[in-house]
Amino acid sequence: MSGSDEESILVVIAHPDDETLGAGGTIKKHTERGVHVDVHCMTGNEVRNEELKMACGILGVRHLFLSERDDFAIDMTLTTEVVGAILKSRPRIVITHHSEDYNRNHQQCARIVDEAVEWASHTTIFENAHRVEKILNMEINTLISRPNVHVDISDSYPAAVAALKKHKSQVKKADTFYEKLYDARTRLRGVQADCKRAEAFSISLPEHAGPFYRENSVDLLF
């Protein structure tokens, strides 16, 4: 089971615009520092995929994995697609939705990612199996009650806002709600993180600790 030769992040989202609303500043900050960031989106159509391409261009995303699928057509059968994205991207970190977000598609996406991270590591299934080190769960509609980490996005916030504005179909439909939400949430998290703007995440480790995760077998704890 081989790992990545580089620092890299895979962002797995339910819908176009989730990448920016949940982690836009974090994505931009890392790509500016030479970290490769890829995005896999589970749903989309011609219009929204073009908007996603433009947004990801601003954020500096390396590879974008697109889908043609209705917003609500998310179920566990998509696990194989996410496994494929993990094996192509070979990330150390996966960023995705939080399982307690009120949007049921976001909840399902989080469950799919947990399952995909597990299966992507199986050397008995994939010759190029890959083990993700950790999963960061972002917040979109629902605040995380006890985030594990805040990322200072004070400098990358303007780029994230510019990326969000590329999702014109959603911004217009919601009457600027998402822009206001992102503004308020990143200011709140900035207060908590003692900076101007921040994005919050919870952190989880791959659930399975069996023989397919050799890194989980150690001689000592220190």
C-alpha atoms as a PDB file:
ATOM      1  CA  MET A   1       0.000   0.000   0.000  1.00  0.00           C
ATOM      2  CA  SER A   2       1.726   3.137  -1.193  1.00  0.00           C
ATOM      3  CA  GLY A   3       1.284   6.641   0.128  1.00  0.00           C
ATOM      4  CA  SER A   4       1.451  10.036  -1.484  1.00  0.00           C
ATOM      5  CA  ASP A   5       4.844  11.519  -2.266  1.00  0.00           C
ATOM      6  CA  GLU A   6       3.441  14.988  -1.658  1.00  0.00           C
ATOM      7  CA  GLU A   7       1.243  16.850   0.766  1.00  0.00           C
ATOM      8  CA  SER A   8      -2.233  16.742  -0.766  1.00  0.00           C
ATOM      9  CA  ILE A   9      -5.885  17.233   0.116  1.00  0.00           C
ATOM     10  CA  LEU A  10      -9.048  15.836  -1.477  1.00  0.00           C
ATOM     11  CA  VAL A  11     -12.274  17.779  -0.913  1.00  0.00           C
ATOM     12  CA  VAL A  12     -15.408  15.645  -1.412  1.00  0.00           C
ATOM     13  CA  ILE A  13     -18.645  17.611  -1.717  1.00  0.00           C
ATOM     14  CA  ALA A  14     -22.305  16.902  -2.324  1.00  0.00           C
ATOM     15  CA  HIS A  15     -23.026  19.941  -4.538  1.00  0.00           C
ATOM     16  CA  PRO A  16     -21.200  22.633  -6.493  1.00  0.00           C
ATOM     17  CA  ASP A  17     -20.553  25.616  -4.154  1.00  0.00           C
ATOM     18  CA  ASP A  18     -20.097  23.417  -1.054  1.00  0.00           C
ATOM     19  CA  GLU A  19     -16.332  23.491  -1.624  1.00  0.00           C
ATOM     20  CA  THR A  20     -16.292  27.265  -1.173  1.00  0.00           C
ATOM     21  CA  LEU A  21     -18.936  27.606   1.530  1.00  0.00           C
ATOM     22  CA  GLY A  22     -17.237  25.047   3.749  1.00  0.00           C
ATOM     23  CA  ALA A  23     -13.548  25.312   2.936  1.00  0.00           C
ATOM     24  CA  GLY A  24     -12.924  27.971   0.297  1.00  0.00           C
ATOM     25  CA  GLY A  25     -10.456  29.946   2.356  1.00  0.00           C
ATOM     26  CA  THR A  26      -8.696  26.802   3.532  1.00  0.00           C
ATOM     27  CA  ILE A  27      -8.362  25.487  -0.022  1.00  0.00           C
ATOM     28  CA  LYS A  28      -6.925  28.770  -1.300  1.00  0.00           C
ATOM     29  CA  LYS A  29      -4.502  29.111   1.607  1.00  0.00           C
ATOM     30  CA  HIS A  30      -3.080  25.651   0.993  1.00  0.00           C
ATOM     31  CA  THR A  31      -2.822  25.902  -2.794  1.00  0.00           C
ATOM     32  CA  GLU A  32      -0.988  29.218  -2.415  1.00  0.00           C
ATOM     33  CA  ARG A  33       1.565  27.377  -0.289  1.00  0.00           C
ATOM     34  CA  GLY A  34       2.111  24.644  -2.846  1.00  0.00           C
ATOM     35  CA  VAL A  35      -0.207  21.980  -1.421  1.00  0.00           C
ATOM     36  CA  HIS A  36      -2.117  20.085  -4.112  1.00  0.00           C
ATOM     37  CA  VAL A  37      -5.883  20.206  -3.583  1.00  0.00           C
ATOM     38  CA  ASP A  38      -8.356  18.167  -5.657  1.00  0.00           C
ATOM     39  CA  VAL A  39     -12.162  18.356  -5.559  1.00  0.00           C
ATOM     40  CA  HIS A  40     -14.684  15.566  -6.179  1.00  0.00           C
ATOM     41  CA  CYS A  41     -18.309  16.661  -6.569  1.00  0.00           C
ATOM     42  CA  MET A  42     -21.106  14.087  -6.361  1.00  0.00           C
ATOM     43  CA  THR A  43     -23.764  16.045  -8.275  1.00  0.00           C
ATOM     44  CA  GLY A  44     -23.979  18.644 -11.003  1.00  0.00           C
ATOM     45  CA  ASN A  45     -25.301  19.736 -14.371  1.00  0.00           C
ATOM     46  CA  GLU A  46     -23.934  21.729 -17.285  1.00  0.00           C
ATOM     47  CA  VAL A  47     -24.505  25.140 -15.706  1.00  0.00           C
ATOM     48  CA  ARG A  48     -23.408  24.319 -12.201  1.00  0.00           C
ATOM     49  CA  ASN A  49     -20.359  22.378 -13.351  1.00  0.00           C
ATOM     50  CA  GLU A  50     -19.153  25.390 -15.341  1.00  0.00           C
ATOM     51  CA  GLU A  51     -19.609  27.546 -12.254  1.00  0.00           C
ATOM     52  CA  LEU A  52     -17.674  24.991 -10.216  1.00  0.00           C
ATOM     53  CA  LYS A  53     -14.823  25.015 -12.727  1.00  0.00           C
ATOM     54  CA  MET A  54     -14.523  28.800 -12.469  1.00  0.00           C
ATOM     55  CA  ALA A  55     -14.696  28.760  -8.675  1.00  0.00           C
ATOM     56  CA  CYS A  56     -12.063  26.039  -8.406  1.00  0.00           C
ATOM     57  CA  GLY A  57      -9.858  27.951 -10.817  1.00  0.00           C
ATOM     58  CA  ILE A  58      -9.839  30.883  -8.408  1.00  0.00           C
ATOM     59  CA  LEU A  59      -9.096  28.603  -5.473  1.00  0.00           C
ATOM     60  CA  GLY A  60      -6.175  26.952  -7.288  1.00  0.00           C
ATOM     61  CA  VAL A  61      -7.597  23.420  -7.364  1.00  0.00           C
ATOM     62  CA  ARG A  62      -5.415  20.897  -9.230  1.00  0.00           C
ATOM     63  CA  HIS A  63      -7.881  18.214 -10.360  1.00  0.00           C
ATOM     64  CA  LEU A  64     -11.671  18.511 -10.441  1.00  0.00           C
ATOM     65  CA  PHE A  65     -13.777  15.343 -10.634  1.00  0.00           C
ATOM     66  CA  LEU A  66     -17.230  16.279 -11.966  1.00  0.00           C
ATOM     67  CA  SER A  67     -20.568  14.457 -12.023  1.00  0.00           C
ATOM     68  CA  GLU A  68     -23.827  14.807 -13.949  1.00  0.00           C
ATOM     69  CA  ARG A  69     -26.434  13.960 -11.348  1.00  0.00           C
ATOM     70  CA  ASP A  70     -29.469  15.516  -9.621  1.00  0.00           C
ATOM     71  CA  ASP A  71     -28.870  17.304  -6.304  1.00  0.00           C
ATOM     72  CA  PHE A  72     -30.770  14.644  -4.362  1.00  0.00           C
ATOM     73  CA  ALA A  73     -29.427  11.538  -6.129  1.00  0.00           C
ATOM     74  CA  ILE A  74     -26.850  10.792  -3.439  1.00  0.00           C
ATOM     75  CA  ASP A  75     -26.717   7.340  -1.870  1.00  0.00           C
ATOM     76  CA  MET A  76     -24.181   4.737  -0.807  1.00  0.00           C
ATOM     77  CA  THR A  77     -23.782   3.450  -4.377  1.00  0.00           C
ATOM     78  CA  LEU A  78     -21.535   6.476  -4.952  1.00  0.00           C
ATOM     79  CA  THR A  79     -18.918   5.020  -2.616  1.00  0.00           C
ATOM     80  CA  THR A  80     -17.064   3.452  -5.550  1.00  0.00           C
ATOM     81  CA  GLU A  81     -16.707   6.866  -7.237  1.00  0.00           C
ATOM     82  CA  VAL A  82     -15.207   8.375  -4.103  1.00  0.00           C
ATOM     83  CA  VAL A  83     -12.841   5.430  -3.714  1.00  0.00           C
ATOM     84  CA  GLY A  84     -11.701   6.112  -7.280  1.00  0.00           C
ATOM     85  CA  ALA A  85     -11.089   9.769  -6.484  1.00  0.00           C
ATOM     86  CA  ILE A  86      -9.057   8.830  -3.410  1.00  0.00           C
ATOM     87  CA  LEU A  87      -6.908   6.406  -5.402  1.00  0.00           C
ATOM     88  CA  LYS A  88      -6.276   9.039  -8.086  1.00  0.00           C
ATOM     89  CA  SER A  89      -5.660  11.945  -5.721  1.00  0.00           C
ATOM     90  CA  ARG A  90      -3.828   9.965  -2.991  1.00  0.00           C
ATOM     91  CA  PRO A  91      -4.466  12.588  -0.319  1.00  0.00           C
ATOM     92  CA  ARG A  92      -3.182  12.694   3.220  1.00  0.00           C
ATOM     93  CA  ILE A  93      -6.340  14.555   4.243  1.00  0.00           C
ATOM     94  CA  VAL A  94      -9.922  14.378   2.999  1.00  0.00           C
ATOM     95  CA  ILE A  95     -12.214  17.330   3.681  1.00  0.00           C
ATOM     96  CA  THR A  96     -15.941  16.686   3.463  1.00  0.00           C
ATOM     97  CA  HIS A  97     -19.278  17.478   5.065  1.00  0.00           C
ATOM     98  CA  HIS A  98     -20.206  17.037   8.701  1.00  0.00           C
ATOM     99  CA  SER A  99     -22.588  14.190   9.496  1.00  0.00           C
ATOM    100  CA  GLU A 100     -24.752  16.500  11.631  1.00  0.00           C
ATOM    101  CA  ASP A 101     -25.377  19.131   8.961  1.00  0.00           C
ATOM    102  CA  TYR A 102     -29.129  19.565   8.581  1.00  0.00           C
ATOM    103  CA  ASN A 103     -28.946  18.952   4.807  1.00  0.00           C
ATOM    104  CA  ARG A 104     -29.552  15.206   4.370  1.00  0.00           C
ATOM    105  CA  ASN A 105     -27.398  15.094   1.230  1.00  0.00           C
ATOM    106  CA  HIS A 106     -24.490  16.493   3.215  1.00  0.00           C
ATOM    107  CA  GLN A 107     -25.077  13.848   5.898  1.00  0.00           C
ATOM    108  CA  GLN A 108     -25.058  11.106   3.273  1.00  0.00           C
ATOM    109  CA  CYS A 109     -21.909  12.479   1.687  1.00  0.00           C
ATOM    110  CA  ALA A 110     -20.122  12.288   5.043  1.00  0.00           C
ATOM    111  CA  ARG A 111     -21.154   8.644   5.459  1.00  0.00           C
ATOM    112  CA  ILE A 112     -20.034   7.795   1.932  1.00  0.00           C
ATOM    113  CA  VAL A 113     -16.620   9.336   2.550  1.00  0.00           C
ATOM    114  CA  ASP A 114     -16.155   7.344   5.762  1.00  0.00           C
ATOM    115  CA  GLU A 115     -16.902   4.149   3.851  1.00  0.00           C
ATOM    116  CA  ALA A 116     -14.718   5.103   0.877  1.00  0.00           C
ATOM    117  CA  VAL A 117     -11.720   5.913   3.056  1.00  0.00           C
ATOM    118  CA  GLU A 118     -12.006   2.442   4.539  1.00  0.00           C
ATOM    119  CA  TRP A 119     -12.256   0.596   1.214  1.00  0.00           C
ATOM    120  CA  ALA A 120      -9.567   2.614  -0.564  1.00  0.00           C
ATOM    121  CA  SER A 121      -7.001   1.241   1.897  1.00  0.00           C
ATOM    122  CA  HIS A 122      -7.651  -2.448   1.223  1.00  0.00           C
ATOM    123  CA  THR A 123      -4.591  -4.045  -0.339  1.00  0.00           C
ATOM    124  CA  THR A 124      -6.616  -7.184  -1.012  1.00  0.00           C
ATOM    125  CA  ILE A 125      -8.831  -5.201  -3.385  1.00  0.00           C
ATOM    126  CA  PHE A 126      -6.563  -2.542  -4.918  1.00  0.00           C
ATOM    127  CA  GLU A 127      -2.940  -2.879  -5.989  1.00  0.00           C
ATOM    128  CA  ASN A 128      -2.662   0.896  -5.585  1.00  0.00           C
ATOM    129  CA  ALA A 129      -4.505   0.982  -2.239  1.00  0.00           C
ATOM    130  CA  HIS A 130      -4.115   4.237  -0.324  1.00  0.00           C
ATOM    131  CA  ARG A 131      -4.626   5.092   3.346  1.00  0.00           C
ATOM    132  CA  VAL A 132      -6.004   8.547   4.184  1.00  0.00           C
ATOM    133  CA  GLU A 133      -4.524   9.838   7.434  1.00  0.00           C
ATOM    134  CA  LYS A 134      -7.505  11.848   8.641  1.00  0.00           C
ATOM    135  CA  ILE A 135     -10.856  13.318   7.659  1.00  0.00           C
ATOM    136  CA  LEU A 136     -11.773  16.951   8.298  1.00  0.00           C
ATOM    137  CA  ASN A 137     -15.494  17.653   8.459  1.00  0.00           C
ATOM    138  CA  MET A 138     -16.530  21.163   7.457  1.00  0.00           C
ATOM    139  CA  GLU A 139     -19.595  23.201   8.303  1.00  0.00           C
ATOM    140  CA  ILE A 140     -22.052  24.532   5.708  1.00  0.00           C
ATOM    141  CA  ASN A 141     -25.550  25.127   7.088  1.00  0.00           C
ATOM    142  CA  THR A 142     -25.087  23.904  10.652  1.00  0.00           C
ATOM    143  CA  LEU A 143     -22.328  25.059  12.993  1.00  0.00           C
ATOM    144  CA  ILE A 144     -20.093  22.383  14.507  1.00  0.00           C
ATOM    145  CA  SER A 145     -20.667  22.557  18.254  1.00  0.00           C
ATOM    146  CA  ARG A 146     -17.127  21.549  19.225  1.00  0.00           C
ATOM    147  CA  PRO A 147     -14.681  22.020  16.339  1.00  0.00           C
ATOM    148  CA  ASN A 148     -11.227  20.480  16.682  1.00  0.00           C
ATOM    149  CA  VAL A 149      -9.409  23.081  14.630  1.00  0.00           C
ATOM    150  CA  HIS A 150      -9.831  26.571  13.183  1.00  0.00           C
ATOM    151  CA  VAL A 151      -7.939  27.580  10.039  1.00  0.00           C
ATOM    152  CA  ASP A 152      -7.028  31.268   9.787  1.00  0.00           C
ATOM    153  CA  ILE A 153      -8.303  32.400   6.374  1.00  0.00           C
ATOM    154  CA  SER A 154      -7.928  36.152   6.904  1.00  0.00           C
ATOM    155  CA  ASP A 155      -5.732  36.556   3.823  1.00  0.00           C
ATOM    156  CA  SER A 156      -7.499  34.020   1.599  1.00  0.00           C
ATOM    157  CA  TYR A 157     -11.053  35.139   2.423  1.00  0.00           C
ATOM    158  CA  PRO A 158     -11.318  37.599  -0.535  1.00  0.00           C
ATOM    159  CA  ALA A 159     -10.458  34.813  -2.996  1.00  0.00           C
ATOM    160  CA  ALA A 160     -13.038  32.545  -1.375  1.00  0.00           C
ATOM    161  CA  VAL A 161     -15.719  35.228  -1.760  1.00  0.00           C
ATOM    162  CA  ALA A 162     -14.741  35.706  -5.402  1.00  0.00           C
ATOM    163  CA  ALA A 163     -15.059  31.937  -5.912  1.00  0.00           C
ATOM    164  CA  LEU A 164     -18.453  31.873  -4.211  1.00  0.00           C
ATOM    165  CA  LYS A 165     -19.732  34.579  -6.556  1.00  0.00           C
ATOM    166  CA  LYS A 166     -18.955  32.323  -9.522  1.00  0.00           C
ATOM    167  CA  HIS A 167     -21.807  30.092  -8.362  1.00  0.00           C
ATOM    168  CA  LYS A 168     -24.263  32.597  -9.801  1.00  0.00           C
ATOM    169  CA  SER A 169     -27.192  30.213 -10.179  1.00  0.00           C
ATOM    170  CA  GLN A 170     -27.169  29.400  -6.463  1.00  0.00           C
ATOM    171  CA  VAL A 171     -26.333  32.879  -5.182  1.00  0.00           C
ATOM    172  CA  LYS A 172     -29.166  34.378  -7.209  1.00  0.00           C
ATOM    173  CA  LYS A 173     -31.671  31.695  -6.231  1.00  0.00           C
ATOM    174  CA  ALA A 174     -30.907  32.177  -2.537  1.00  0.00           C
ATOM    175  CA  ASP A 175     -30.972  36.003  -2.743  1.00  0.00           C
ATOM    176  CA  THR A 176     -27.386  36.414  -1.414  1.00  0.00           C
ATOM    177  CA  PHE A 177     -28.126  34.218   1.625  1.00  0.00           C
ATOM    178  CA  TYR A 178     -24.982  32.144   1.132  1.00  0.00           C
ATOM    179  CA  GLU A 179     -22.732  35.189   0.864  1.00  0.00           C
ATOM    180  CA  LYS A 180     -24.187  36.541   4.104  1.00  0.00           C
ATOM    181  CA  LEU A 181     -23.878  33.143   5.782  1.00  0.00           C
ATOM    182  CA  TYR A 182     -20.227  32.739   4.794  1.00  0.00           C
ATOM    183  CA  ASP A 183     -19.466  36.290   5.913  1.00  0.00           C
ATOM    184  CA  ALA A 184     -21.085  35.836   9.331  1.00  0.00           C
ATOM    185  CA  ARG A 185     -19.727  32.349   9.983  1.00  0.00           C
ATOM    186  CA  THR A 186     -16.116  33.151   9.100  1.00  0.00           C
ATOM    187  CA  ARG A 187     -16.243  36.294  11.258  1.00  0.00           C
ATOM    188  CA  LEU A 188     -17.595  34.265  14.185  1.00  0.00           C
ATOM    189  CA  ARG A 189     -14.937  31.605  13.798  1.00  0.00           C
ATOM    190  CA  GLY A 190     -12.343  34.367  13.474  1.00  0.00           C
ATOM    191  CA  VAL A 191     -13.357  35.738  16.876  1.00  0.00           C
ATOM    192  CA  GLN A 192     -12.985  32.268  18.359  1.00  0.00           C
ATOM    193  CA  ALA A 193      -9.603  31.755  16.664  1.00  0.00           C
ATOM    194  CA  ASP A 194      -8.319  35.256  17.490  1.00  0.00           C
ATOM    195  CA  CYS A 195      -8.019  36.332  13.866  1.00  0.00           C
ATOM    196  CA  LYS A 196     -10.162  38.212  11.333  1.00  0.00           C
ATOM    197  CA  ARG A 197     -11.611  35.193   9.505  1.00  0.00           C
ATOM    198  CA  ALA A 198     -11.506  31.448  10.077  1.00  0.00           C
ATOM    199  CA  GLU A 199     -13.070  28.160   9.004  1.00  0.00           C
ATOM    200  CA  ALA A 200     -13.811  25.418  11.535  1.00  0.00           C
ATOM    201  CA  PHE A 201     -13.492  21.656  11.208  1.00  0.00           C
ATOM    202  CA  SER A 202     -13.923  18.531  13.278  1.00  0.00           C
ATOM    203  CA  ILE A 203     -11.310  15.814  12.804  1.00  0.00           C
ATOM    204  CA  SER A 204     -11.806  12.054  12.653  1.00  0.00           C
ATOM    205  CA  LEU A 205      -9.465   9.154  11.968  1.00  0.00           C
ATOM    206  CA  PRO A 206     -10.183   6.165   9.717  1.00  0.00           C
ATOM    207  CA  GLU A 207     -12.515   3.977  11.765  1.00  0.00           C
ATOM    208  CA  HIS A 208     -11.061   0.550  11.018  1.00  0.00           C
ATOM    209  CA  ALA A 209      -7.884  -0.528  12.831  1.00  0.00           C
ATOM    210  CA  GLY A 210      -7.465  -3.967  11.303  1.00  0.00           C
ATOM    211  CA  PRO A 211      -4.674  -5.608   9.273  1.00  0.00           C
ATOM    212  CA  PHE A 212      -5.270  -3.399   6.250  1.00  0.00           C
ATOM    213  CA  TYR A 213      -4.098  -0.381   8.256  1.00  0.00           C
ATOM    214  CA  ARG A 214      -0.520  -1.368   8.969  1.00  0.00           C
ATOM    215  CA  GLU A 215       0.323   2.089  10.270  1.00  0.00           C
ATOM    216  CA  ASN A 216      -2.040   1.383  13.178  1.00  0.00           C
ATOM    217  CA  SER A 217       0.190  -1.436  14.414  1.00  0.00           C
ATOM    218  CA  VAL A 218       3.082  -0.020  16.456  1.00  0.00           C
ATOM    219  CA  ASP A 219       5.721  -1.217  18.922  1.00  0.00           C
ATOM    220  CA  LEU A 220       5.333   1.708  21.321  1.00  0.00           C
ATOM    221  CA  LEU A 221       2.953   4.602  21.802  1.00  0.00           C
ATOM    222  CA  PHE A 222       5.816   7.117  21.997  1.00  0.00           C
END
